[in-house]
């Protein structure tokens, strides 16, 4: 999967080269792996092989974050999106069984472009709203001139339909990914509804938090005992 998604400049596989580079920095800086999977393929079942490669080469990994490969605007073969959520849950279980901490934060689908505290710098120095944009696309400033606050204000404008404004999940969604809205609907200020996915993940998160708390109380002897 890695060699198909991220070949070298000459189109050659580079997975082994990446492992070699990780060996060089292992123990010097924290290494966090972003594991991207294709929900339409079975490649994700080989994640155990990757973890075994880390152990065999004694590469110290601080954590593994999992995300599906989302569709992009240009032609590509990865268009399944989130797919079946049981795939994501299975991958996280494998990672946890391998000794890495499981993701315990509440799911949040807010777009980075809506957060003023974050700035993305393109290779040409442009300040752009999203790391998936390219070549100064939708730039609202530059490292040499600073932020164009008028352009930034116009960028932050987002049109929420009535069903969004009355949705209980709006604080954790805020319209979702702007780039997907642009790709699917031609509107960077539009919304992408992930209600079913977000609702599923929130319920799973709350069940896990309740389980963790009960285990903590049980370990501390805080649970009430019937006489």
C-alpha atoms as a PDB file:
ATOM      1  CA  UNK A   1       0.000   0.000   0.000  1.00  0.00           C
ATOM      2  CA  UNK A   2       2.744   2.465   0.933  1.00  0.00           C
ATOM      3  CA  UNK A   3       4.645   1.857  -2.301  1.00  0.00           C
ATOM      4  CA  UNK A   4       1.468   2.345  -4.344  1.00  0.00           C
ATOM      5  CA  UNK A   5       0.405   5.515  -2.547  1.00  0.00           C
ATOM      6  CA  UNK A   6       3.789   7.163  -2.044  1.00  0.00           C
ATOM      7  CA  UNK A   7       6.303   5.998  -4.654  1.00  0.00           C
ATOM      8  CA  UNK A   8       9.668   7.711  -5.029  1.00  0.00           C
ATOM      9  CA  UNK A   9      10.205  10.555  -7.488  1.00  0.00           C
ATOM     10  CA  UNK A  10      11.127   7.981 -10.107  1.00  0.00           C
ATOM     11  CA  UNK A  11       8.020   5.904  -9.419  1.00  0.00           C
ATOM     12  CA  UNK A  12       9.912   3.242  -7.474  1.00  0.00           C
ATOM     13  CA  UNK A  13       8.937   1.644  -4.133  1.00  0.00           C
ATOM     14  CA  UNK A  14      10.464   3.344  -1.084  1.00  0.00           C
ATOM     15  CA  UNK A  15       8.987   1.570   1.959  1.00  0.00           C
ATOM     16  CA  UNK A  16      12.348   0.055   2.897  1.00  0.00           C
ATOM     17  CA  UNK A  17      14.019   3.449   2.492  1.00  0.00           C
ATOM     18  CA  UNK A  18      11.487   5.002   4.892  1.00  0.00           C
ATOM     19  CA  UNK A  19      12.213   2.274   7.440  1.00  0.00           C
ATOM     20  CA  UNK A  20      15.932   3.005   7.103  1.00  0.00           C
ATOM     21  CA  UNK A  21      15.354   6.707   7.710  1.00  0.00           C
ATOM     22  CA  UNK A  22      13.237   5.914  10.762  1.00  0.00           C
ATOM     23  CA  UNK A  23      16.081   3.810  12.107  1.00  0.00           C
ATOM     24  CA  UNK A  24      18.399   6.815  11.837  1.00  0.00           C
ATOM     25  CA  UNK A  25      16.162   9.089  13.920  1.00  0.00           C
ATOM     26  CA  UNK A  26      14.790   6.432  16.287  1.00  0.00           C
ATOM     27  CA  UNK A  27      15.328   7.473  19.902  1.00  0.00           C
ATOM     28  CA  UNK A  28      16.327  11.010  18.942  1.00  0.00           C
ATOM     29  CA  UNK A  29      12.900  12.455  18.233  1.00  0.00           C
ATOM     30  CA  UNK A  30       9.394  11.104  18.935  1.00  0.00           C
ATOM     31  CA  UNK A  31       8.119   9.203  15.899  1.00  0.00           C
ATOM     32  CA  UNK A  32       4.370   9.109  15.338  1.00  0.00           C
ATOM     33  CA  UNK A  33       3.081   7.060  12.415  1.00  0.00           C
ATOM     34  CA  UNK A  34       0.000   8.183  10.485  1.00  0.00           C
ATOM     35  CA  UNK A  35      -1.387   4.913   9.157  1.00  0.00           C
ATOM     36  CA  UNK A  36      -3.596   5.541   6.132  1.00  0.00           C
ATOM     37  CA  UNK A  37      -5.679   2.677   4.800  1.00  0.00           C
ATOM     38  CA  UNK A  38      -7.827   2.041   1.738  1.00  0.00           C
ATOM     39  CA  UNK A  39     -11.278   0.933   2.901  1.00  0.00           C
ATOM     40  CA  UNK A  40     -11.894  -0.738  -0.478  1.00  0.00           C
ATOM     41  CA  UNK A  41      -8.889  -3.085  -0.239  1.00  0.00           C
ATOM     42  CA  UNK A  42      -7.575  -5.706   2.160  1.00  0.00           C
ATOM     43  CA  UNK A  43      -4.118  -4.132   2.551  1.00  0.00           C
ATOM     44  CA  UNK A  44      -5.002  -2.915   6.046  1.00  0.00           C
ATOM     45  CA  UNK A  45      -4.804  -6.515   7.277  1.00  0.00           C
ATOM     46  CA  UNK A  46      -1.022  -6.321   6.856  1.00  0.00           C
ATOM     47  CA  UNK A  47      -0.584  -3.670   9.533  1.00  0.00           C
ATOM     48  CA  UNK A  48       0.859  -6.372  11.799  1.00  0.00           C
ATOM     49  CA  UNK A  49       3.718  -6.792   9.315  1.00  0.00           C
ATOM     50  CA  UNK A  50       4.538  -3.093   9.580  1.00  0.00           C
ATOM     51  CA  UNK A  51       4.551  -3.236  13.379  1.00  0.00           C
ATOM     52  CA  UNK A  52       6.794  -6.320  13.177  1.00  0.00           C
ATOM     53  CA  UNK A  53       9.177  -4.372  10.916  1.00  0.00           C
ATOM     54  CA  UNK A  54       9.440  -1.658  13.581  1.00  0.00           C
ATOM     55  CA  UNK A  55      10.235  -4.243  16.239  1.00  0.00           C
ATOM     56  CA  UNK A  56      12.736  -6.109  14.062  1.00  0.00           C
ATOM     57  CA  UNK A  57      14.656  -2.907  13.301  1.00  0.00           C
ATOM     58  CA  UNK A  58      14.298  -1.642  16.888  1.00  0.00           C
ATOM     59  CA  UNK A  59      12.512   1.511  15.709  1.00  0.00           C
ATOM     60  CA  UNK A  60      10.942   3.334  18.654  1.00  0.00           C
ATOM     61  CA  UNK A  61       7.418   4.460  17.799  1.00  0.00           C
ATOM     62  CA  UNK A  62       5.618   6.928  20.092  1.00  0.00           C
ATOM     63  CA  UNK A  63       2.193   6.222  18.620  1.00  0.00           C
ATOM     64  CA  UNK A  64       0.192   5.219  15.568  1.00  0.00           C
ATOM     65  CA  UNK A  65      -2.708   7.334  14.323  1.00  0.00           C
ATOM     66  CA  UNK A  66      -5.184   5.786  11.894  1.00  0.00           C
ATOM     67  CA  UNK A  67      -7.063   7.535   9.112  1.00  0.00           C
ATOM     68  CA  UNK A  68      -8.738   6.344   5.910  1.00  0.00           C
ATOM     69  CA  UNK A  69      -7.533   7.617   2.554  1.00  0.00           C
ATOM     70  CA  UNK A  70     -10.176  10.160   1.595  1.00  0.00           C
ATOM     71  CA  UNK A  71     -11.045  10.962  -2.027  1.00  0.00           C
ATOM     72  CA  UNK A  72      -9.021  13.701  -3.717  1.00  0.00           C
ATOM     73  CA  UNK A  73      -9.864  16.050  -6.560  1.00  0.00           C
ATOM     74  CA  UNK A  74      -7.336  14.593  -8.988  1.00  0.00           C
ATOM     75  CA  UNK A  75      -7.816  11.140 -10.464  1.00  0.00           C
ATOM     76  CA  UNK A  76      -6.794   8.372  -8.098  1.00  0.00           C
ATOM     77  CA  UNK A  77      -7.723   4.852  -7.095  1.00  0.00           C
ATOM     78  CA  UNK A  78      -8.620   5.615  -3.472  1.00  0.00           C
ATOM     79  CA  UNK A  79     -12.261   6.708  -3.394  1.00  0.00           C
ATOM     80  CA  UNK A  80     -13.790   4.487  -0.705  1.00  0.00           C
ATOM     81  CA  UNK A  81     -13.574   7.135   2.016  1.00  0.00           C
ATOM     82  CA  UNK A  82     -14.380   5.880   5.514  1.00  0.00           C
ATOM     83  CA  UNK A  83     -16.014   2.732   4.172  1.00  0.00           C
ATOM     84  CA  UNK A  84     -17.006   0.128   6.755  1.00  0.00           C
ATOM     85  CA  UNK A  85     -16.248   1.488  10.228  1.00  0.00           C
ATOM     86  CA  UNK A  86     -15.483  -1.998  11.527  1.00  0.00           C
ATOM     87  CA  UNK A  87     -12.236  -1.787   9.519  1.00  0.00           C
ATOM     88  CA  UNK A  88     -11.148   1.267  11.498  1.00  0.00           C
ATOM     89  CA  UNK A  89     -12.094  -0.425  14.767  1.00  0.00           C
ATOM     90  CA  UNK A  90     -10.202  -3.614  13.815  1.00  0.00           C
ATOM     91  CA  UNK A  91      -7.036  -1.658  12.974  1.00  0.00           C
ATOM     92  CA  UNK A  92      -7.180   0.244  16.265  1.00  0.00           C
ATOM     93  CA  UNK A  93      -7.610  -3.048  18.154  1.00  0.00           C
ATOM     94  CA  UNK A  94      -4.503  -4.508  16.463  1.00  0.00           C
ATOM     95  CA  UNK A  95      -2.505  -1.393  17.347  1.00  0.00           C
ATOM     96  CA  UNK A  96      -3.663  -1.526  20.974  1.00  0.00           C
ATOM     97  CA  UNK A  97      -2.881  -5.248  21.227  1.00  0.00           C
ATOM     98  CA  UNK A  98       0.652  -4.459  20.008  1.00  0.00           C
ATOM     99  CA  UNK A  99       1.156  -2.217  23.038  1.00  0.00           C
ATOM    100  CA  UNK A 100       0.514   1.197  21.545  1.00  0.00           C
ATOM    101  CA  UNK A 101      -1.921   3.499  23.358  1.00  0.00           C
ATOM    102  CA  UNK A 102      -5.396   3.522  21.869  1.00  0.00           C
ATOM    103  CA  UNK A 103      -6.958   6.765  20.694  1.00  0.00           C
ATOM    104  CA  UNK A 104      -9.045   8.066  23.609  1.00  0.00           C
ATOM    105  CA  UNK A 105      -9.950  11.563  22.481  1.00  0.00           C
ATOM    106  CA  UNK A 106     -13.493  12.394  21.434  1.00  0.00           C
ATOM    107  CA  UNK A 107     -14.054  12.347  17.656  1.00  0.00           C
ATOM    108  CA  UNK A 108     -13.912  15.779  16.062  1.00  0.00           C
ATOM    109  CA  UNK A 109     -14.632  16.471  12.399  1.00  0.00           C
ATOM    110  CA  UNK A 110     -14.024  20.230  12.419  1.00  0.00           C
ATOM    111  CA  UNK A 111     -11.989  21.443   9.439  1.00  0.00           C
ATOM    112  CA  UNK A 112      -8.522  22.864  10.081  1.00  0.00           C
ATOM    113  CA  UNK A 113      -9.388  25.718   7.708  1.00  0.00           C
ATOM    114  CA  UNK A 114     -11.936  26.967  10.275  1.00  0.00           C
ATOM    115  CA  UNK A 115      -9.382  27.264  13.070  1.00  0.00           C
ATOM    116  CA  UNK A 116      -7.656  30.652  13.256  1.00  0.00           C
ATOM    117  CA  UNK A 117      -4.936  29.310  15.538  1.00  0.00           C
ATOM    118  CA  UNK A 118      -3.593  27.087  12.737  1.00  0.00           C
ATOM    119  CA  UNK A 119      -1.720  28.266   9.655  1.00  0.00           C
ATOM    120  CA  UNK A 120      -0.501  26.129   6.786  1.00  0.00           C
ATOM    121  CA  UNK A 121       2.536  27.335   4.848  1.00  0.00           C
ATOM    122  CA  UNK A 122       2.920  26.214   1.253  1.00  0.00           C
ATOM    123  CA  UNK A 123       6.340  25.589  -0.307  1.00  0.00           C
ATOM    124  CA  UNK A 124       6.217  29.007  -2.023  1.00  0.00           C
ATOM    125  CA  UNK A 125       5.598  30.799   1.293  1.00  0.00           C
ATOM    126  CA  UNK A 126       1.864  31.243   0.803  1.00  0.00           C
ATOM    127  CA  UNK A 127      -0.425  30.928   3.824  1.00  0.00           C
ATOM    128  CA  UNK A 128      -3.208  28.554   2.810  1.00  0.00           C
ATOM    129  CA  UNK A 129      -6.197  27.182   4.746  1.00  0.00           C
ATOM    130  CA  UNK A 130      -5.635  23.476   4.154  1.00  0.00           C
ATOM    131  CA  UNK A 131      -2.518  21.266   3.816  1.00  0.00           C
ATOM    132  CA  UNK A 132      -4.169  19.424   0.909  1.00  0.00           C
ATOM    133  CA  UNK A 133      -4.345  22.568  -1.212  1.00  0.00           C
ATOM    134  CA  UNK A 134      -1.463  23.226  -3.583  1.00  0.00           C
ATOM    135  CA  UNK A 135       0.618  26.019  -5.109  1.00  0.00           C
ATOM    136  CA  UNK A 136      -0.803  28.855  -3.070  1.00  0.00           C
ATOM    137  CA  UNK A 137      -4.401  27.865  -3.740  1.00  0.00           C
ATOM    138  CA  UNK A 138      -6.868  30.020  -1.769  1.00  0.00           C
ATOM    139  CA  UNK A 139      -3.940  31.811  -0.130  1.00  0.00           C
ATOM    140  CA  UNK A 140      -4.785  34.521   2.397  1.00  0.00           C
ATOM    141  CA  UNK A 141      -1.279  35.796   3.047  1.00  0.00           C
ATOM    142  CA  UNK A 142       2.421  35.151   2.648  1.00  0.00           C
ATOM    143  CA  UNK A 143       5.349  34.688   5.006  1.00  0.00           C
ATOM    144  CA  UNK A 144       6.912  37.894   3.678  1.00  0.00           C
ATOM    145  CA  UNK A 145       3.807  40.078   3.921  1.00  0.00           C
ATOM    146  CA  UNK A 146       1.775  38.486   6.709  1.00  0.00           C
ATOM    147  CA  UNK A 147      -1.917  37.630   6.838  1.00  0.00           C
ATOM    148  CA  UNK A 148      -4.501  39.323   4.657  1.00  0.00           C
ATOM    149  CA  UNK A 149      -7.206  39.555   7.321  1.00  0.00           C
ATOM    150  CA  UNK A 150      -9.922  40.597   4.881  1.00  0.00           C
ATOM    151  CA  UNK A 151      -9.276  37.486   2.780  1.00  0.00           C
ATOM    152  CA  UNK A 152      -9.161  35.363   5.934  1.00  0.00           C
ATOM    153  CA  UNK A 153     -12.511  36.723   7.114  1.00  0.00           C
ATOM    154  CA  UNK A 154     -14.101  35.909   3.765  1.00  0.00           C
ATOM    155  CA  UNK A 155     -12.626  32.427   3.944  1.00  0.00           C
ATOM    156  CA  UNK A 156     -14.110  31.746   7.377  1.00  0.00           C
ATOM    157  CA  UNK A 157     -17.644  32.456   6.175  1.00  0.00           C
ATOM    158  CA  UNK A 158     -19.556  29.200   6.072  1.00  0.00           C
ATOM    159  CA  UNK A 159     -23.166  28.619   5.161  1.00  0.00           C
ATOM    160  CA  UNK A 160     -24.929  26.121   7.391  1.00  0.00           C
ATOM    161  CA  UNK A 161     -28.321  24.809   6.244  1.00  0.00           C
ATOM    162  CA  UNK A 162     -31.157  24.582   8.759  1.00  0.00           C
ATOM    163  CA  UNK A 163     -30.553  20.879   9.440  1.00  0.00           C
ATOM    164  CA  UNK A 164     -26.988  21.711  10.475  1.00  0.00           C
ATOM    165  CA  UNK A 165     -27.942  24.624  12.711  1.00  0.00           C
ATOM    166  CA  UNK A 166     -30.386  22.425  14.633  1.00  0.00           C
ATOM    167  CA  UNK A 167     -28.171  19.320  14.754  1.00  0.00           C
ATOM    168  CA  UNK A 168     -26.945  18.262  18.209  1.00  0.00           C
ATOM    169  CA  UNK A 169     -23.632  17.151  16.666  1.00  0.00           C
ATOM    170  CA  UNK A 170     -22.773  20.529  15.135  1.00  0.00           C
ATOM    171  CA  UNK A 171     -20.179  21.441  17.849  1.00  0.00           C
ATOM    172  CA  UNK A 172     -18.140  18.340  16.969  1.00  0.00           C
ATOM    173  CA  UNK A 173     -18.652  18.621  13.222  1.00  0.00           C
ATOM    174  CA  UNK A 174     -18.840  22.310  12.227  1.00  0.00           C
ATOM    175  CA  UNK A 175     -19.543  21.353   8.646  1.00  0.00           C
ATOM    176  CA  UNK A 176     -16.766  18.828   8.144  1.00  0.00           C
ATOM    177  CA  UNK A 177     -13.968  18.982   5.589  1.00  0.00           C
ATOM    178  CA  UNK A 178     -14.114  22.030   3.326  1.00  0.00           C
ATOM    179  CA  UNK A 179     -11.989  20.366   0.665  1.00  0.00           C
ATOM    180  CA  UNK A 180     -14.452  17.476   0.362  1.00  0.00           C
ATOM    181  CA  UNK A 181     -17.295  19.976   0.125  1.00  0.00           C
ATOM    182  CA  UNK A 182     -15.416  21.733  -2.668  1.00  0.00           C
ATOM    183  CA  UNK A 183     -14.652  18.459  -4.434  1.00  0.00           C
ATOM    184  CA  UNK A 184     -18.150  16.999  -4.191  1.00  0.00           C
ATOM    185  CA  UNK A 185     -20.290  20.138  -4.418  1.00  0.00           C
ATOM    186  CA  UNK A 186     -17.975  22.787  -5.860  1.00  0.00           C
ATOM    187  CA  UNK A 187     -18.280  24.940  -2.731  1.00  0.00           C
ATOM    188  CA  UNK A 188     -15.324  25.445  -0.367  1.00  0.00           C
ATOM    189  CA  UNK A 189     -17.690  27.185   2.066  1.00  0.00           C
ATOM    190  CA  UNK A 190     -20.203  24.342   1.930  1.00  0.00           C
ATOM    191  CA  UNK A 191     -20.669  21.414   4.297  1.00  0.00           C
ATOM    192  CA  UNK A 192     -20.137  17.662   4.244  1.00  0.00           C
ATOM    193  CA  UNK A 193     -22.437  15.661   6.502  1.00  0.00           C
ATOM    194  CA  UNK A 194     -20.770  12.828   8.407  1.00  0.00           C
ATOM    195  CA  UNK A 195     -23.590  12.411  10.913  1.00  0.00           C
ATOM    196  CA  UNK A 196     -23.812   8.602  10.784  1.00  0.00           C
ATOM    197  CA  UNK A 197     -20.049   8.147  11.154  1.00  0.00           C
ATOM    198  CA  UNK A 198     -19.728  10.787  13.853  1.00  0.00           C
ATOM    199  CA  UNK A 199     -22.687   9.432  15.817  1.00  0.00           C
ATOM    200  CA  UNK A 200     -21.235   5.912  15.701  1.00  0.00           C
ATOM    201  CA  UNK A 201     -17.822   7.080  16.863  1.00  0.00           C
ATOM    202  CA  UNK A 202     -19.247   9.237  19.646  1.00  0.00           C
ATOM    203  CA  UNK A 203     -21.255   6.303  21.032  1.00  0.00           C
ATOM    204  CA  UNK A 204     -18.177   4.108  20.849  1.00  0.00           C
ATOM    205  CA  UNK A 205     -16.113   6.785  22.603  1.00  0.00           C
ATOM    206  CA  UNK A 206     -18.666   7.191  25.407  1.00  0.00           C
ATOM    207  CA  UNK A 207     -18.887   3.429  25.951  1.00  0.00           C
ATOM    208  CA  UNK A 208     -15.104   3.200  26.150  1.00  0.00           C
ATOM    209  CA  UNK A 209     -14.902   6.128  28.606  1.00  0.00           C
ATOM    210  CA  UNK A 210     -17.553   4.506  30.808  1.00  0.00           C
ATOM    211  CA  UNK A 211     -15.665   1.193  30.698  1.00  0.00           C
ATOM    212  CA  UNK A 212     -12.372   2.924  31.585  1.00  0.00           C
ATOM    213  CA  UNK A 213     -14.001   4.717  34.518  1.00  0.00           C
ATOM    214  CA  UNK A 214     -15.587   1.530  35.878  1.00  0.00           C
ATOM    215  CA  UNK A 215     -12.243  -0.264  35.640  1.00  0.00           C
ATOM    216  CA  UNK A 216     -10.526   2.642  37.403  1.00  0.00           C
ATOM    217  CA  UNK A 217     -13.076   2.625  40.227  1.00  0.00           C
ATOM    218  CA  UNK A 218     -12.858  -1.143  40.517  1.00  0.00           C
ATOM    219  CA  UNK A 219      -9.067  -0.960  40.781  1.00  0.00           C
ATOM    220  CA  UNK A 220      -9.320   1.764  43.432  1.00  0.00           C
ATOM    221  CA  UNK A 221     -12.106   0.072  45.372  1.00  0.00           C
ATOM    222  CA  UNK A 222     -14.503   2.950  44.676  1.00  0.00           C
ATOM    223  CA  UNK A 223     -17.402   0.833  43.463  1.00  0.00           C
ATOM    224  CA  UNK A 224     -20.339   0.543  45.909  1.00  0.00           C
ATOM    225  CA  UNK A 225     -20.720  -2.865  47.506  1.00  0.00           C
ATOM    226  CA  UNK A 226     -24.125  -4.276  48.406  1.00  0.00           C
ATOM    227  CA  UNK A 227     -24.334  -5.427  52.010  1.00  0.00           C
END
